[in-house]
Amino acid sequence: MRRWTGDAAANALRARFNALQTEATRLAAASDCPDVLGEVRMALADVLNLANAQGATPAATAFAALEQQLDDSRVRLQELCDFALDETGARQLGTMLGKGASPSLHPVVDNAVLMGWGIEISPLY
């Protein structure tokens, strides 16, 4: 570490990294799901450790895989939110799961905000 202490570019990168870590901590503290930010932070630390141990190429490959996983997760979350807030879609899902039984829907509300729909399916007997 000492060999980089006089390197202005390395010091600027270190300062930027530390500022981003502070910002990530602030965002996590204000987030409804801070565990996700913590998990991504740990995954990025793994990429940095891989770069240190094996070099840039394996780290770049791991980083690209992480980016793809995060993008896939974002798409799944958006789809879940879209369907969770759609009363018609929730009713169709309930009918499908209940094999034709008519589902009862119950809004799931938090602080006057619709979070999704609870689906209750009564047995046919």
N, C-alpha and C. Protein backbone atom coordinates (compact mmCIF):
# COMPACT_ATOMS: atom_id res chain seq x y z
N MET A 1 0.82 -1.19 0.00
CA MET A 1 0.00 0.00 0.00
C MET A 1 0.86 1.26 0.00
N ARG A 2 1.99 1.21 0.67
CA ARG A 2 2.83 2.41 0.79
C ARG A 2 3.34 2.92 -0.55
N ARG A 3 3.56 2.01 -1.50
CA ARG A 3 4.10 2.47 -2.77
C ARG A 3 3.13 3.35 -3.54
N TRP A 4 1.84 3.30 -3.17
CA TRP A 4 0.85 4.12 -3.87
C TRP A 4 0.55 5.43 -3.14
N THR A 5 1.09 5.63 -1.96
CA THR A 5 0.73 6.81 -1.18
C THR A 5 1.12 8.12 -1.86
N GLY A 6 2.15 8.11 -2.67
CA GLY A 6 2.55 9.34 -3.36
C GLY A 6 1.94 9.50 -4.73
N ASP A 7 1.14 8.56 -5.16
CA ASP A 7 0.52 8.58 -6.49
C ASP A 7 -0.79 9.37 -6.42
N ALA A 8 -0.81 10.55 -7.05
CA ALA A 8 -1.97 11.43 -6.98
C ALA A 8 -3.22 10.77 -7.58
N ALA A 9 -3.05 10.06 -8.69
CA ALA A 9 -4.20 9.41 -9.33
C ALA A 9 -4.77 8.31 -8.44
N ALA A 10 -3.86 7.51 -7.84
CA ALA A 10 -4.31 6.45 -6.94
C ALA A 10 -5.01 7.04 -5.72
N ASN A 11 -4.48 8.14 -5.19
CA ASN A 11 -5.12 8.80 -4.04
C ASN A 11 -6.49 9.36 -4.41
N ALA A 12 -6.63 9.89 -5.62
CA ALA A 12 -7.92 10.42 -6.06
C ALA A 12 -8.93 9.28 -6.20
N LEU A 13 -8.49 8.15 -6.75
CA LEU A 13 -9.38 6.99 -6.86
C LEU A 13 -9.78 6.47 -5.49
N ARG A 14 -8.82 6.43 -4.57
CA ARG A 14 -9.12 5.97 -3.21
C ARG A 14 -10.13 6.90 -2.54
N ALA A 15 -9.95 8.20 -2.71
CA ALA A 15 -10.88 9.16 -2.12
C ALA A 15 -12.27 9.02 -2.72
N ARG A 16 -12.35 8.80 -4.04
CA ARG A 16 -13.64 8.61 -4.71
C ARG A 16 -14.30 7.32 -4.22
N PHE A 17 -13.51 6.25 -4.10
CA PHE A 17 -14.02 4.98 -3.60
C PHE A 17 -14.59 5.16 -2.19
N ASN A 18 -13.84 5.83 -1.32
CA ASN A 18 -14.30 6.04 0.05
C ASN A 18 -15.57 6.90 0.09
N ALA A 19 -15.66 7.89 -0.79
CA ALA A 19 -16.85 8.73 -0.84
C ALA A 19 -18.06 7.90 -1.29
N LEU A 20 -17.85 7.02 -2.25
CA LEU A 20 -18.94 6.16 -2.71
C LEU A 20 -19.35 5.16 -1.63
N GLN A 21 -18.40 4.67 -0.86
CA GLN A 21 -18.74 3.78 0.25
C GLN A 21 -19.59 4.50 1.29
N THR A 22 -19.25 5.75 1.56
CA THR A 22 -20.02 6.56 2.50
C THR A 22 -21.44 6.79 1.96
N GLU A 23 -21.55 7.06 0.66
CA GLU A 23 -22.85 7.26 0.04
C GLU A 23 -23.67 5.96 0.08
N ALA A 24 -23.03 4.82 -0.18
CA ALA A 24 -23.74 3.54 -0.12
C ALA A 24 -24.25 3.29 1.30
N THR A 25 -23.48 3.62 2.30
CA THR A 25 -23.90 3.46 3.69
C THR A 25 -25.11 4.35 3.98
N ARG A 26 -25.08 5.58 3.47
CA ARG A 26 -26.19 6.51 3.67
C ARG A 26 -27.45 5.99 2.98
N LEU A 27 -27.31 5.51 1.75
CA LEU A 27 -28.46 4.98 1.01
C LEU A 27 -29.04 3.75 1.70
N ALA A 28 -28.16 2.88 2.20
CA ALA A 28 -28.63 1.68 2.90
C ALA A 28 -29.41 2.05 4.15
N ALA A 29 -28.94 3.06 4.87
CA ALA A 29 -29.63 3.48 6.09
C ALA A 29 -31.02 4.02 5.79
N ALA A 30 -31.21 4.60 4.61
CA ALA A 30 -32.50 5.19 4.24
C ALA A 30 -33.36 4.23 3.43
N SER A 31 -32.85 3.06 3.12
CA SER A 31 -33.54 2.12 2.23
C SER A 31 -34.50 1.21 2.98
N ASP A 32 -35.55 0.80 2.26
CA ASP A 32 -36.47 -0.20 2.79
C ASP A 32 -35.85 -1.59 2.72
N CYS A 33 -34.85 -1.78 1.86
CA CYS A 33 -34.19 -3.09 1.74
C CYS A 33 -32.67 -2.90 1.75
N PRO A 34 -32.11 -2.55 2.90
CA PRO A 34 -30.67 -2.31 2.95
C PRO A 34 -29.84 -3.56 2.71
N ASP A 35 -30.44 -4.73 2.90
CA ASP A 35 -29.69 -5.97 2.70
C ASP A 35 -29.22 -6.11 1.26
N VAL A 36 -30.00 -5.62 0.30
CA VAL A 36 -29.62 -5.71 -1.11
C VAL A 36 -28.35 -4.90 -1.36
N LEU A 37 -28.31 -3.69 -0.83
CA LEU A 37 -27.11 -2.87 -1.00
C LEU A 37 -25.90 -3.52 -0.34
N GLY A 38 -26.10 -4.12 0.81
CA GLY A 38 -25.01 -4.81 1.49
C GLY A 38 -24.51 -6.01 0.69
N GLU A 39 -25.45 -6.75 0.10
CA GLU A 39 -25.07 -7.91 -0.71
C GLU A 39 -24.27 -7.48 -1.94
N VAL A 40 -24.69 -6.40 -2.58
CA VAL A 40 -23.96 -5.92 -3.75
C VAL A 40 -22.58 -5.40 -3.33
N ARG A 41 -22.53 -4.73 -2.21
CA ARG A 41 -21.23 -4.25 -1.72
C ARG A 41 -20.28 -5.42 -1.48
N MET A 42 -20.79 -6.50 -0.89
CA MET A 42 -19.96 -7.68 -0.64
C MET A 42 -19.54 -8.34 -1.97
N ALA A 43 -20.45 -8.38 -2.94
CA ALA A 43 -20.12 -8.97 -4.24
C ALA A 43 -19.04 -8.15 -4.93
N LEU A 44 -19.12 -6.84 -4.82
CA LEU A 44 -18.09 -5.97 -5.42
C LEU A 44 -16.75 -6.15 -4.71
N ALA A 45 -16.79 -6.33 -3.40
CA ALA A 45 -15.54 -6.59 -2.67
C ALA A 45 -14.91 -7.90 -3.15
N ASP A 46 -15.75 -8.90 -3.44
CA ASP A 46 -15.23 -10.15 -3.99
C ASP A 46 -14.56 -9.93 -5.34
N VAL A 47 -15.14 -9.07 -6.17
CA VAL A 47 -14.55 -8.76 -7.48
C VAL A 47 -13.20 -8.07 -7.29
N LEU A 48 -13.14 -7.13 -6.36
CA LEU A 48 -11.86 -6.44 -6.10
C LEU A 48 -10.82 -7.41 -5.56
N ASN A 49 -11.23 -8.30 -4.68
CA ASN A 49 -10.29 -9.30 -4.16
C ASN A 49 -9.82 -10.24 -5.28
N LEU A 50 -10.72 -10.59 -6.19
CA LEU A 50 -10.34 -11.42 -7.33
C LEU A 50 -9.33 -10.70 -8.21
N ALA A 51 -9.55 -9.40 -8.42
CA ALA A 51 -8.60 -8.62 -9.22
C ALA A 51 -7.23 -8.62 -8.58
N ASN A 52 -7.20 -8.49 -7.26
CA ASN A 52 -5.93 -8.49 -6.54
C ASN A 52 -5.24 -9.85 -6.62
N ALA A 53 -6.02 -10.91 -6.53
CA ALA A 53 -5.44 -12.26 -6.50
C ALA A 53 -5.13 -12.81 -7.89
N GLN A 54 -6.01 -12.52 -8.88
CA GLN A 54 -5.87 -13.18 -10.18
C GLN A 54 -5.70 -12.23 -11.35
N GLY A 55 -5.89 -10.95 -11.12
CA GLY A 55 -5.69 -9.99 -12.20
C GLY A 55 -6.99 -9.45 -12.76
N ALA A 56 -6.83 -8.56 -13.73
CA ALA A 56 -7.96 -7.81 -14.26
C ALA A 56 -8.94 -8.66 -15.08
N THR A 57 -8.44 -9.60 -15.85
CA THR A 57 -9.34 -10.35 -16.74
C THR A 57 -10.37 -11.18 -15.98
N PRO A 58 -9.96 -12.00 -15.00
CA PRO A 58 -10.99 -12.73 -14.24
C PRO A 58 -11.93 -11.79 -13.48
N ALA A 59 -11.40 -10.67 -12.99
CA ALA A 59 -12.24 -9.71 -12.26
C ALA A 59 -13.25 -9.06 -13.20
N ALA A 60 -12.83 -8.74 -14.42
CA ALA A 60 -13.74 -8.14 -15.39
C ALA A 60 -14.85 -9.13 -15.76
N THR A 61 -14.50 -10.39 -15.89
CA THR A 61 -15.50 -11.43 -16.18
C THR A 61 -16.49 -11.55 -15.02
N ALA A 62 -15.98 -11.56 -13.80
CA ALA A 62 -16.85 -11.65 -12.63
C ALA A 62 -17.74 -10.42 -12.51
N PHE A 63 -17.19 -9.25 -12.82
CA PHE A 63 -17.97 -8.01 -12.75
C PHE A 63 -19.08 -8.02 -13.80
N ALA A 64 -18.78 -8.49 -15.01
CA ALA A 64 -19.79 -8.57 -16.06
C ALA A 64 -20.92 -9.52 -15.64
N ALA A 65 -20.56 -10.64 -15.01
CA ALA A 65 -21.57 -11.59 -14.53
C ALA A 65 -22.43 -10.95 -13.45
N LEU A 66 -21.82 -10.20 -12.56
CA LEU A 66 -22.56 -9.51 -11.50
C LEU A 66 -23.52 -8.48 -12.11
N GLU A 67 -23.03 -7.73 -13.09
CA GLU A 67 -23.91 -6.75 -13.76
C GLU A 67 -25.12 -7.44 -14.39
N GLN A 68 -24.89 -8.59 -15.02
CA GLN A 68 -25.99 -9.33 -15.64
C GLN A 68 -26.98 -9.82 -14.58
N GLN A 69 -26.45 -10.33 -13.48
CA GLN A 69 -27.33 -10.79 -12.40
C GLN A 69 -28.18 -9.64 -11.85
N LEU A 70 -27.57 -8.48 -11.68
CA LEU A 70 -28.31 -7.32 -11.17
C LEU A 70 -29.36 -6.86 -12.17
N ASP A 71 -29.02 -6.89 -13.46
CA ASP A 71 -29.99 -6.50 -14.48
C ASP A 71 -31.15 -7.48 -14.51
N ASP A 72 -30.85 -8.78 -14.45
CA ASP A 72 -31.91 -9.80 -14.41
C ASP A 72 -32.80 -9.60 -13.20
N SER A 73 -32.20 -9.30 -12.07
CA SER A 73 -32.95 -9.08 -10.84
C SER A 73 -33.85 -7.86 -10.97
N ARG A 74 -33.34 -6.81 -11.59
CA ARG A 74 -34.13 -5.59 -11.78
C ARG A 74 -35.35 -5.88 -12.63
N VAL A 75 -35.18 -6.65 -13.70
CA VAL A 75 -36.29 -7.00 -14.58
C VAL A 75 -37.33 -7.83 -13.82
N ARG A 76 -36.87 -8.82 -13.06
CA ARG A 76 -37.80 -9.66 -12.28
C ARG A 76 -38.56 -8.82 -11.26
N LEU A 77 -37.86 -7.91 -10.60
CA LEU A 77 -38.51 -7.06 -9.60
C LEU A 77 -39.56 -6.17 -10.26
N GLN A 78 -39.23 -5.60 -11.42
CA GLN A 78 -40.20 -4.75 -12.11
C GLN A 78 -41.43 -5.55 -12.51
N GLU A 79 -41.20 -6.76 -13.04
CA GLU A 79 -42.34 -7.60 -13.41
C GLU A 79 -43.18 -7.94 -12.18
N LEU A 80 -42.53 -8.28 -11.08
CA LEU A 80 -43.25 -8.60 -9.86
C LEU A 80 -44.08 -7.41 -9.40
N CYS A 81 -43.49 -6.22 -9.41
CA CYS A 81 -44.22 -5.02 -8.99
C CYS A 81 -45.40 -4.74 -9.92
N ASP A 82 -45.17 -4.89 -11.22
CA ASP A 82 -46.25 -4.64 -12.18
C ASP A 82 -47.43 -5.58 -11.92
N PHE A 83 -47.15 -6.88 -11.72
CA PHE A 83 -48.22 -7.84 -11.53
C PHE A 83 -48.80 -7.77 -10.12
N ALA A 84 -47.97 -7.47 -9.14
CA ALA A 84 -48.46 -7.41 -7.77
C ALA A 84 -49.45 -6.27 -7.59
N LEU A 85 -49.33 -5.23 -8.38
CA LEU A 85 -50.21 -4.08 -8.24
C LEU A 85 -51.41 -4.15 -9.18
N ASP A 86 -51.48 -5.18 -10.00
CA ASP A 86 -52.54 -5.31 -10.99
C ASP A 86 -53.65 -6.22 -10.45
N GLU A 87 -54.78 -5.63 -10.10
CA GLU A 87 -55.88 -6.41 -9.51
C GLU A 87 -56.37 -7.49 -10.47
N THR A 88 -56.50 -7.17 -11.73
CA THR A 88 -56.98 -8.15 -12.72
C THR A 88 -56.00 -9.31 -12.83
N GLY A 89 -54.71 -8.99 -12.90
CA GLY A 89 -53.70 -10.03 -12.98
C GLY A 89 -53.68 -10.90 -11.75
N ALA A 90 -53.85 -10.28 -10.58
CA ALA A 90 -53.88 -11.05 -9.33
C ALA A 90 -55.09 -11.98 -9.31
N ARG A 91 -56.22 -11.50 -9.80
CA ARG A 91 -57.43 -12.34 -9.84
C ARG A 91 -57.23 -13.51 -10.80
N GLN A 92 -56.62 -13.25 -11.96
CA GLN A 92 -56.35 -14.32 -12.93
C GLN A 92 -55.40 -15.35 -12.33
N LEU A 93 -54.37 -14.88 -11.62
CA LEU A 93 -53.43 -15.79 -10.97
C LEU A 93 -54.17 -16.64 -9.94
N GLY A 94 -55.04 -16.01 -9.14
CA GLY A 94 -55.80 -16.75 -8.14
C GLY A 94 -56.70 -17.80 -8.76
N THR A 95 -57.33 -17.46 -9.87
CA THR A 95 -58.19 -18.42 -10.57
C THR A 95 -57.36 -19.58 -11.10
N MET A 96 -56.20 -19.28 -11.64
CA MET A 96 -55.34 -20.34 -12.15
C MET A 96 -54.86 -21.24 -11.02
N LEU A 97 -54.41 -20.65 -9.91
CA LEU A 97 -53.92 -21.44 -8.79
C LEU A 97 -55.05 -22.23 -8.12
N GLY A 98 -56.24 -21.66 -8.12
CA GLY A 98 -57.38 -22.33 -7.50
C GLY A 98 -58.08 -23.29 -8.42
N LYS A 99 -57.52 -23.51 -9.59
CA LYS A 99 -58.08 -24.46 -10.57
C LYS A 99 -59.56 -24.19 -10.82
N GLY A 100 -59.85 -22.92 -11.04
CA GLY A 100 -61.22 -22.54 -11.37
C GLY A 100 -62.00 -21.96 -10.22
N ALA A 101 -61.57 -22.18 -8.99
CA ALA A 101 -62.27 -21.60 -7.84
C ALA A 101 -62.15 -20.08 -7.91
N SER A 102 -63.17 -19.40 -7.46
CA SER A 102 -63.16 -17.95 -7.50
C SER A 102 -62.36 -17.40 -6.31
N PRO A 103 -61.28 -16.69 -6.58
CA PRO A 103 -60.45 -16.18 -5.48
C PRO A 103 -61.04 -14.92 -4.86
N SER A 104 -60.71 -14.72 -3.61
CA SER A 104 -61.01 -13.44 -2.94
C SER A 104 -59.71 -12.66 -2.90
N LEU A 105 -59.77 -11.40 -3.27
CA LEU A 105 -58.59 -10.55 -3.23
C LEU A 105 -58.69 -9.59 -2.05
N HIS A 106 -57.55 -9.36 -1.43
CA HIS A 106 -57.48 -8.44 -0.30
C HIS A 106 -56.30 -7.50 -0.55
N PRO A 107 -56.56 -6.21 -0.59
CA PRO A 107 -55.45 -5.29 -0.82
C PRO A 107 -54.46 -5.32 0.35
N VAL A 108 -53.19 -5.30 0.02
CA VAL A 108 -52.13 -5.20 1.03
C VAL A 108 -51.66 -3.75 0.98
N VAL A 109 -51.91 -3.03 2.07
CA VAL A 109 -51.66 -1.59 2.09
C VAL A 109 -50.70 -1.27 3.24
N ASP A 110 -49.77 -0.38 2.97
CA ASP A 110 -48.85 0.09 4.00
C ASP A 110 -48.77 1.60 3.88
N ASN A 111 -49.10 2.29 4.95
CA ASN A 111 -49.10 3.76 4.95
C ASN A 111 -49.91 4.32 3.79
N ALA A 112 -51.09 3.74 3.58
CA ALA A 112 -52.04 4.17 2.55
C ALA A 112 -51.52 3.96 1.13
N VAL A 113 -50.50 3.11 0.97
CA VAL A 113 -49.96 2.80 -0.35
C VAL A 113 -50.23 1.32 -0.65
N LEU A 114 -50.84 1.06 -1.80
CA LEU A 114 -51.09 -0.31 -2.21
C LEU A 114 -49.76 -0.99 -2.49
N MET A 115 -49.48 -2.08 -1.76
CA MET A 115 -48.23 -2.82 -1.93
C MET A 115 -48.43 -4.06 -2.79
N GLY A 116 -49.67 -4.51 -2.91
CA GLY A 116 -49.96 -5.71 -3.69
C GLY A 116 -51.33 -6.25 -3.31
N TRP A 117 -51.57 -7.49 -3.71
CA TRP A 117 -52.85 -8.12 -3.45
C TRP A 117 -52.64 -9.46 -2.78
N GLY A 118 -53.35 -9.70 -1.69
CA GLY A 118 -53.40 -11.02 -1.08
C GLY A 118 -54.47 -11.83 -1.80
N ILE A 119 -54.18 -13.06 -2.10
CA ILE A 119 -55.12 -13.91 -2.82
C ILE A 119 -55.55 -15.04 -1.88
N GLU A 120 -56.85 -15.15 -1.67
CA GLU A 120 -57.41 -16.22 -0.85
C GLU A 120 -58.25 -17.12 -1.75
N ILE A 121 -57.96 -18.41 -1.68
CA ILE A 121 -58.70 -19.36 -2.50
C ILE A 121 -59.39 -20.34 -1.57
N SER A 122 -60.70 -20.37 -1.63
CA SER A 122 -61.46 -21.29 -0.78
C SER A 122 -61.57 -22.63 -1.50
N PRO A 123 -61.49 -23.70 -0.74
CA PRO A 123 -61.64 -25.03 -1.36
C PRO A 123 -63.04 -25.18 -1.98
N LEU A 124 -63.13 -26.02 -2.98
CA LEU A 124 -64.42 -26.23 -3.68
C LEU A 124 -65.36 -27.15 -2.93
N TYR A 125 -64.91 -27.88 -1.92
CA TYR A 125 -65.79 -28.84 -1.23
C TYR A 125 -66.63 -28.20 -0.18
